[in-house]
Amino acid sequence: MPVGSVQQKLGIAASTLSHHLRKLVDAGLVTQERQATTLICRAHYPAMQSLIGYLADECCADGACPPEPRRNTACEPAR
């Protein structure tokens, strides 16, 4: 997704978005590619899945995890 589109959807300042995107890129959760004058950001799903797995293992190791939250079906495709 072009950075400009991300900024427009979120409605935040370019400097704020740049700061947060840099942190996500540094963490390996997002990749960036320049296409002419457009900067494209992509989620790096393997890294995200690894992070979620780590958090689940570490946070739930003692079995004290809260119950799973209700799924938000608003983002699921219509059937």
Foldseek 3Di string as FASTA:
>chain_A
DWPVVVCVVVVDDPVVSVVVVVVCVVQVQWDWDDDPPTIDIDGPVVSVVVVVVVCCCVVCVVVPDDDDDDDDCPPPDDD
